[in-house]
Each structure stands twice: as structure tokens, then as C-alpha cells.
């Protein structure tokens, strides 16, 4: 979250308080793509979250947040996020640090299809982020990454487009 966004959230919280608009809540997802890449970056997010939490409490605003991460080696730097009751940190199971997974906390795993996830005991996390927001323990995600060149060719040919391969 950049400073500009934090100021926007703060202004929104204060304007809500001054108008007396009923309930206001904010849902924050850290990273739509990307991950925690450095201890200082983790600490900065922890500090930002702590500040937002204080602002929300001051302004009687409900605040919930969540993030997916493979960076389990930064768990100690992410403690303020992990320890927050209004924040769900979802540990990705496909990481070189699998031995660090705390199985008592939420995890996510990518499956070839949603059906595979359900049959393995994971809840639906591939259509929207409801499972993450609710703090579900095992969230199944379906693979939606890079497709083979043959699959791309089929897709484009069905639409009348022409696939050009670049070497």
C-alpha cells in the first residue's frame, strides 16, 4: 500500500465518522500478485497494517485483511500480521520452505482443477476470495497459469485469430 492509498483510507475513515454513516468496513488484500520478498518489506507491511488498524479502531471502522505467501522463511518478520485477529495470512503449500508451514493456520494449494481441490478436502478458493476472508484452513486454488502453445493455438484458431510464434 503506498502512502497515497493509506491517506485515502484514513480520509475515508474520518469522513465516515463525521457523517455518522452506519457501518463501514474495509477489506485489504496485500498483493494481488507478488509476495513478501525482503525482511524490511515485511516489517513495512506490518507497520502499515498496525497503523491502519489503529486508524480503524479510532474511527470505529471494521478492518479485515489477508495475504497469500510462499515466503514462509519471513514468518518472524510477518508476526504482526500473523498475530492480528483481523488478518489472515494464508501459507502457500508449494514452496521450498514447506517444512515451516504451521498446519494450524490457513494454507492454500494449487490444483489442476477445482474438482481436484474439493475431492482433496480443500474449500473453493478459485472463484473468489471468500474462503481467505473467512479464514478457512485449507483453501484450494485451481491452476490458471501459462498454457501450452498447442492450447493457445486451439484457443486462437477457434476465435479466427492467427497465432504467430516468435523465436
Foldseek 3Di string as FASTA:
>chain_A
DDPVVLVVLLVVLVVCLVVVPPAAEDEEEPDPDDAQDDLVSLLVVLVSVVVVVVSCVVSVYHYAYEYEHQPLVNCVSNVSQVVDPRYAYEYECPHPVNVSDDLVFAYEYEDQDPVVCVVVPADECAPHNPCRNVRPRYHYHYDDDDDDPVVVQVVQVVVVHHDDDDD
